[in-house]
N, C-alpha and C. Protein backbone atom coordinates (compact mmCIF):
# COMPACT_ATOMS: atom_id res chain seq x y z
N UNK A 1 52.54 145.56 24.93
CA UNK A 1 53.66 146.45 25.16
C UNK A 1 53.24 147.91 25.05
N UNK A 2 52.03 148.17 24.59
CA UNK A 2 51.60 149.54 24.40
C UNK A 2 51.33 150.27 25.72
N UNK A 3 51.27 149.54 26.84
CA UNK A 3 51.01 150.17 28.14
C UNK A 3 52.27 150.78 28.76
N UNK A 4 53.40 150.59 28.12
CA UNK A 4 54.67 151.07 28.68
C UNK A 4 55.05 152.42 28.07
N UNK A 5 55.67 153.29 28.88
CA UNK A 5 56.03 154.61 28.34
C UNK A 5 57.12 154.52 27.27
N UNK A 6 57.03 155.43 26.33
CA UNK A 6 58.06 155.57 25.30
C UNK A 6 58.92 156.76 25.70
N UNK A 7 60.24 156.54 25.71
CA UNK A 7 61.17 157.61 26.09
C UNK A 7 62.16 157.84 24.94
N UNK A 8 62.60 159.08 24.81
CA UNK A 8 63.57 159.44 23.77
C UNK A 8 64.83 159.98 24.42
N UNK A 9 65.96 159.69 23.78
CA UNK A 9 67.26 160.16 24.25
C UNK A 9 68.01 160.78 23.09
N UNK A 10 68.71 161.88 23.37
CA UNK A 10 69.52 162.57 22.36
C UNK A 10 70.89 161.90 22.25
N UNK A 11 71.57 162.15 21.16
CA UNK A 11 72.90 161.61 20.94
C UNK A 11 73.80 161.90 22.14
N UNK A 12 74.44 160.86 22.66
CA UNK A 12 75.37 161.00 23.78
C UNK A 12 74.72 161.07 25.15
N UNK A 13 73.40 161.11 25.20
CA UNK A 13 72.72 161.20 26.50
C UNK A 13 72.86 159.89 27.28
N UNK A 14 73.22 160.02 28.55
CA UNK A 14 73.38 158.87 29.42
C UNK A 14 72.00 158.37 29.83
N UNK A 15 71.77 157.08 29.65
CA UNK A 15 70.49 156.45 30.01
C UNK A 15 70.57 155.95 31.45
N UNK A 16 71.69 155.30 31.78
CA UNK A 16 72.00 154.95 33.16
C UNK A 16 73.49 154.74 33.29
N UNK A 17 73.96 154.69 34.55
CA UNK A 17 75.39 154.59 34.84
C UNK A 17 75.67 153.33 35.65
N UNK A 18 76.81 152.71 35.37
CA UNK A 18 77.23 151.53 36.14
C UNK A 18 77.18 151.86 37.62
N UNK A 19 76.63 150.93 38.41
CA UNK A 19 76.50 151.12 39.85
C UNK A 19 75.13 151.62 40.26
N UNK A 20 74.35 152.15 39.30
CA UNK A 20 72.99 152.59 39.60
C UNK A 20 72.11 151.40 39.96
N UNK A 21 71.06 151.64 40.71
CA UNK A 21 70.05 150.63 40.97
C UNK A 21 69.40 150.25 39.65
N UNK A 22 69.26 148.97 39.41
CA UNK A 22 68.63 148.49 38.16
C UNK A 22 67.13 148.41 38.37
N UNK A 23 66.42 149.46 37.98
CA UNK A 23 64.98 149.49 38.22
C UNK A 23 64.16 149.69 36.96
N UNK A 24 64.82 149.60 35.78
CA UNK A 24 64.10 149.76 34.52
C UNK A 24 64.73 148.89 33.44
N UNK A 25 63.89 148.35 32.59
CA UNK A 25 64.28 147.54 31.45
C UNK A 25 63.89 148.33 30.20
N UNK A 26 64.72 148.29 29.16
CA UNK A 26 64.48 149.08 27.96
C UNK A 26 64.45 148.18 26.71
N UNK A 27 63.54 148.49 25.79
CA UNK A 27 63.47 147.86 24.47
C UNK A 27 63.67 148.95 23.44
N UNK A 28 64.72 148.81 22.64
CA UNK A 28 65.04 149.83 21.64
C UNK A 28 64.05 149.75 20.49
N UNK A 29 63.34 150.83 20.26
CA UNK A 29 62.38 150.93 19.16
C UNK A 29 63.02 151.55 17.93
N UNK A 30 63.97 152.45 18.17
CA UNK A 30 64.63 153.16 17.07
C UNK A 30 66.00 153.63 17.55
N UNK A 31 67.01 153.47 16.71
CA UNK A 31 68.34 153.96 17.03
C UNK A 31 69.26 152.90 17.61
N UNK A 32 70.36 153.37 18.19
CA UNK A 32 71.38 152.49 18.76
C UNK A 32 71.76 152.98 20.16
N UNK A 33 72.11 152.01 21.01
CA UNK A 33 72.55 152.29 22.38
C UNK A 33 73.91 151.64 22.58
N UNK A 34 74.84 152.42 23.14
CA UNK A 34 76.18 151.90 23.45
C UNK A 34 76.23 151.50 24.92
N UNK A 35 76.84 150.35 25.19
CA UNK A 35 77.13 149.94 26.56
C UNK A 35 78.60 150.21 26.82
N UNK A 36 78.89 150.84 27.97
CA UNK A 36 80.24 151.26 28.29
C UNK A 36 80.73 150.60 29.57
N UNK A 37 82.03 150.30 29.60
CA UNK A 37 82.63 149.73 30.81
C UNK A 37 82.92 150.85 31.82
N UNK A 38 83.52 150.49 32.93
CA UNK A 38 83.78 151.45 34.01
C UNK A 38 84.70 152.59 33.58
N UNK A 39 85.53 152.35 32.56
CA UNK A 39 86.44 153.40 32.06
C UNK A 39 85.79 154.25 30.98
N UNK A 40 84.54 153.96 30.64
CA UNK A 40 83.84 154.73 29.62
C UNK A 40 84.08 154.26 28.20
N UNK A 41 84.67 153.07 28.02
CA UNK A 41 84.92 152.52 26.69
C UNK A 41 83.71 151.71 26.23
N UNK A 42 83.30 151.91 25.00
CA UNK A 42 82.19 151.16 24.43
C UNK A 42 82.63 149.72 24.22
N UNK A 43 81.85 148.77 24.77
CA UNK A 43 82.19 147.37 24.54
C UNK A 43 81.16 146.65 23.67
N UNK A 44 80.01 147.27 23.45
CA UNK A 44 79.04 146.74 22.49
C UNK A 44 78.04 147.82 22.14
N UNK A 45 77.45 147.67 20.96
CA UNK A 45 76.40 148.58 20.50
C UNK A 45 75.16 147.75 20.20
N UNK A 46 74.04 148.18 20.77
CA UNK A 46 72.77 147.49 20.59
C UNK A 46 71.92 148.25 19.58
N UNK A 47 71.10 147.52 18.84
CA UNK A 47 70.30 148.09 17.76
C UNK A 47 68.80 147.97 18.03
N UNK A 48 68.03 148.61 17.18
CA UNK A 48 66.58 148.54 17.24
C UNK A 48 66.14 147.08 17.33
N UNK A 49 65.20 146.81 18.23
CA UNK A 49 64.71 145.45 18.44
C UNK A 49 65.38 144.72 19.58
N UNK A 50 66.50 145.26 20.07
CA UNK A 50 67.20 144.63 21.18
C UNK A 50 66.79 145.28 22.49
N UNK A 51 67.12 144.59 23.59
CA UNK A 51 66.79 145.11 24.92
C UNK A 51 68.07 145.26 25.74
N UNK A 52 67.96 146.06 26.80
CA UNK A 52 69.07 146.20 27.74
C UNK A 52 68.50 146.60 29.09
N UNK A 53 69.30 146.42 30.13
CA UNK A 53 68.84 146.73 31.48
C UNK A 53 68.10 145.58 32.13
N UNK A 54 68.39 144.37 31.69
CA UNK A 54 67.68 143.19 32.17
C UNK A 54 67.84 142.95 33.67
N UNK A 55 68.86 143.56 34.28
CA UNK A 55 69.04 143.40 35.72
C UNK A 55 67.84 143.90 36.50
N UNK A 56 66.97 144.67 35.86
CA UNK A 56 65.76 145.16 36.53
C UNK A 56 64.86 144.00 36.96
N UNK A 57 65.03 142.83 36.33
CA UNK A 57 64.24 141.67 36.70
C UNK A 57 64.79 140.99 37.95
N UNK A 58 66.01 141.29 38.31
CA UNK A 58 66.63 140.67 39.47
C UNK A 58 66.42 141.54 40.70
N UNK A 59 66.01 140.94 41.76
CA UNK A 59 65.78 141.67 43.00
C UNK A 59 67.09 142.29 43.47
N UNK A 60 67.09 143.60 43.66
CA UNK A 60 68.30 144.28 44.12
C UNK A 60 69.38 144.40 43.08
N UNK A 61 69.02 144.29 41.80
CA UNK A 61 70.01 144.35 40.73
C UNK A 61 70.70 145.70 40.66
N UNK A 62 71.98 145.66 40.34
CA UNK A 62 72.81 146.86 40.19
C UNK A 62 73.36 146.87 38.77
N UNK A 63 73.38 148.03 38.15
CA UNK A 63 73.89 148.16 36.79
C UNK A 63 75.37 147.79 36.73
N UNK A 64 75.70 146.88 35.83
CA UNK A 64 77.08 146.47 35.66
C UNK A 64 77.80 147.26 34.59
N UNK A 65 77.07 148.06 33.84
CA UNK A 65 77.64 148.87 32.76
C UNK A 65 76.83 150.15 32.65
N UNK A 66 77.36 151.09 31.91
CA UNK A 66 76.63 152.32 31.60
C UNK A 66 76.03 152.18 30.21
N UNK A 67 74.94 152.92 29.96
CA UNK A 67 74.31 152.92 28.65
C UNK A 67 74.11 154.36 28.20
N UNK A 68 74.40 154.61 26.92
CA UNK A 68 74.18 155.95 26.37
C UNK A 68 73.70 155.84 24.94
N UNK A 69 72.96 156.86 24.52
CA UNK A 69 72.41 156.92 23.18
C UNK A 69 73.53 157.18 22.17
N UNK A 70 73.51 156.43 21.09
CA UNK A 70 74.43 156.65 19.97
C UNK A 70 73.57 157.20 18.83
N UNK A 71 73.32 158.48 18.84
CA UNK A 71 72.37 159.10 17.93
C UNK A 71 71.03 159.22 18.65
N UNK A 72 70.01 159.58 17.93
CA UNK A 72 68.67 159.69 18.51
C UNK A 72 68.15 158.29 18.79
N UNK A 73 67.61 158.08 20.00
CA UNK A 73 67.13 156.76 20.41
C UNK A 73 65.73 156.88 20.98
N UNK A 74 64.89 155.89 20.63
CA UNK A 74 63.55 155.79 21.18
C UNK A 74 63.42 154.40 21.78
N UNK A 75 62.97 154.33 23.05
CA UNK A 75 62.85 153.06 23.76
C UNK A 75 61.50 152.94 24.45
N UNK A 76 61.06 151.70 24.64
CA UNK A 76 60.00 151.40 25.58
C UNK A 76 60.68 151.19 26.92
N UNK A 77 60.12 151.72 27.99
CA UNK A 77 60.72 151.61 29.32
C UNK A 77 59.76 150.84 30.23
N UNK A 78 60.27 149.78 30.83
CA UNK A 78 59.47 148.95 31.73
C UNK A 78 60.11 149.00 33.11
N UNK A 79 59.33 149.38 34.12
CA UNK A 79 59.86 149.45 35.48
C UNK A 79 60.04 148.03 36.03
N UNK A 80 60.87 147.90 37.05
CA UNK A 80 61.07 146.59 37.67
C UNK A 80 59.77 146.08 38.27
N UNK A 81 58.94 147.00 38.77
CA UNK A 81 57.64 146.60 39.33
C UNK A 81 56.76 145.99 38.24
N UNK A 82 56.71 146.63 37.07
CA UNK A 82 55.92 146.10 35.96
C UNK A 82 56.48 144.76 35.49
N UNK A 83 57.82 144.64 35.43
CA UNK A 83 58.45 143.40 35.01
C UNK A 83 58.12 142.27 35.98
N UNK A 84 58.17 142.56 37.27
CA UNK A 84 57.87 141.54 38.27
C UNK A 84 56.41 141.13 38.21
N UNK A 85 55.51 142.07 37.92
CA UNK A 85 54.09 141.73 37.76
C UNK A 85 53.89 140.79 36.57
N UNK A 86 54.62 141.03 35.49
CA UNK A 86 54.53 140.14 34.33
C UNK A 86 55.03 138.74 34.69
N UNK A 87 56.13 138.67 35.44
CA UNK A 87 56.70 137.38 35.82
C UNK A 87 55.84 136.63 36.82
N UNK A 88 55.06 137.36 37.62
CA UNK A 88 54.22 136.73 38.65
C UNK A 88 53.17 135.82 38.03
N UNK A 89 52.78 136.08 36.80
CA UNK A 89 51.77 135.27 36.15
C UNK A 89 52.32 134.05 35.43
N UNK A 90 53.61 133.78 35.58
CA UNK A 90 54.22 132.65 34.89
C UNK A 90 54.44 131.48 35.84
N UNK A 91 54.89 130.39 35.28
CA UNK A 91 55.18 129.20 36.07
C UNK A 91 56.27 129.51 37.09
N UNK A 92 56.13 129.00 38.33
CA UNK A 92 57.17 129.24 39.34
C UNK A 92 58.54 128.69 38.92
N UNK A 93 58.56 127.73 38.01
CA UNK A 93 59.83 127.18 37.53
C UNK A 93 60.53 128.13 36.57
N UNK A 94 59.75 128.96 35.89
CA UNK A 94 60.32 129.86 34.89
C UNK A 94 61.15 130.97 35.51
N UNK A 95 60.75 131.46 36.67
CA UNK A 95 61.44 132.61 37.29
C UNK A 95 62.91 132.30 37.59
N UNK A 96 63.24 131.20 38.30
CA UNK A 96 64.67 130.95 38.56
C UNK A 96 65.48 130.66 37.29
N UNK A 97 64.85 130.04 36.30
CA UNK A 97 65.55 129.80 35.03
C UNK A 97 65.85 131.14 34.36
N UNK A 98 64.88 132.03 34.34
CA UNK A 98 65.06 133.35 33.75
C UNK A 98 66.14 134.13 34.49
N UNK A 99 66.12 134.09 35.81
CA UNK A 99 67.14 134.78 36.61
C UNK A 99 68.53 134.23 36.32
N UNK A 100 68.64 132.90 36.17
CA UNK A 100 69.94 132.29 35.86
C UNK A 100 70.45 132.76 34.50
N UNK A 101 69.55 132.86 33.52
CA UNK A 101 69.94 133.35 32.20
C UNK A 101 70.39 134.80 32.25
N UNK A 102 69.72 135.61 33.06
CA UNK A 102 70.11 137.01 33.21
C UNK A 102 71.48 137.13 33.87
N UNK A 103 71.74 136.30 34.86
CA UNK A 103 73.06 136.32 35.50
C UNK A 103 74.14 135.90 34.51
N UNK A 104 73.82 134.92 33.67
CA UNK A 104 74.77 134.48 32.65
C UNK A 104 75.05 135.62 31.66
N UNK A 105 74.01 136.34 31.26
CA UNK A 105 74.17 137.49 30.37
C UNK A 105 75.02 138.57 31.03
N UNK A 106 74.78 138.81 32.30
CA UNK A 106 75.55 139.81 33.04
C UNK A 106 77.03 139.42 33.08
N UNK A 107 77.31 138.15 33.32
CA UNK A 107 78.70 137.68 33.35
C UNK A 107 79.35 137.82 31.97
N UNK A 108 78.60 137.50 30.92
CA UNK A 108 79.11 137.63 29.56
C UNK A 108 79.45 139.09 29.24
N UNK A 109 78.56 140.00 29.63
CA UNK A 109 78.83 141.43 29.40
C UNK A 109 80.04 141.89 30.19
N UNK A 110 80.19 141.40 31.42
CA UNK A 110 81.34 141.78 32.23
C UNK A 110 82.63 141.27 31.60
N UNK A 111 82.61 140.07 31.04
CA UNK A 111 83.80 139.54 30.36
C UNK A 111 84.14 140.36 29.12
N UNK A 112 83.12 140.73 28.34
CA UNK A 112 83.35 141.54 27.14
C UNK A 112 83.89 142.90 27.50
N UNK A 113 83.45 143.43 28.65
CA UNK A 113 83.90 144.75 29.07
C UNK A 113 85.26 144.69 29.78
N UNK A 114 85.77 143.46 30.03
CA UNK A 114 87.05 143.32 30.70
C UNK A 114 86.97 143.54 32.20
N UNK A 115 85.78 143.37 32.78
CA UNK A 115 85.62 143.57 34.21
C UNK A 115 85.82 142.31 35.03
N UNK A 116 86.12 141.20 34.39
CA UNK A 116 86.38 139.95 35.13
C UNK A 116 87.74 139.39 34.77
């Protein structure tokens, strides 16, 4: 994981917005990140050690929620290209299973945000 860039965000800084192209995956190293629904309401808060932006693994993925820093945040950032390169070295059976799990996570987040 040391080959990936480390990025920092200030309190309240928008990391991405719902509807954006999903081209990056993030792993929180320090701090908290809020996920917001289309109306800007926080529906969950993620902590150090958690990830977000998993749609970057899906071809043509679109952000279903917005993400913003809740205090000072430090993340590892993985591009969709890097993520796909990592997946290319795995079993061909693993990719569709992983994609199905990501879609399930996306649906769960949409339900929590009241978008379904």
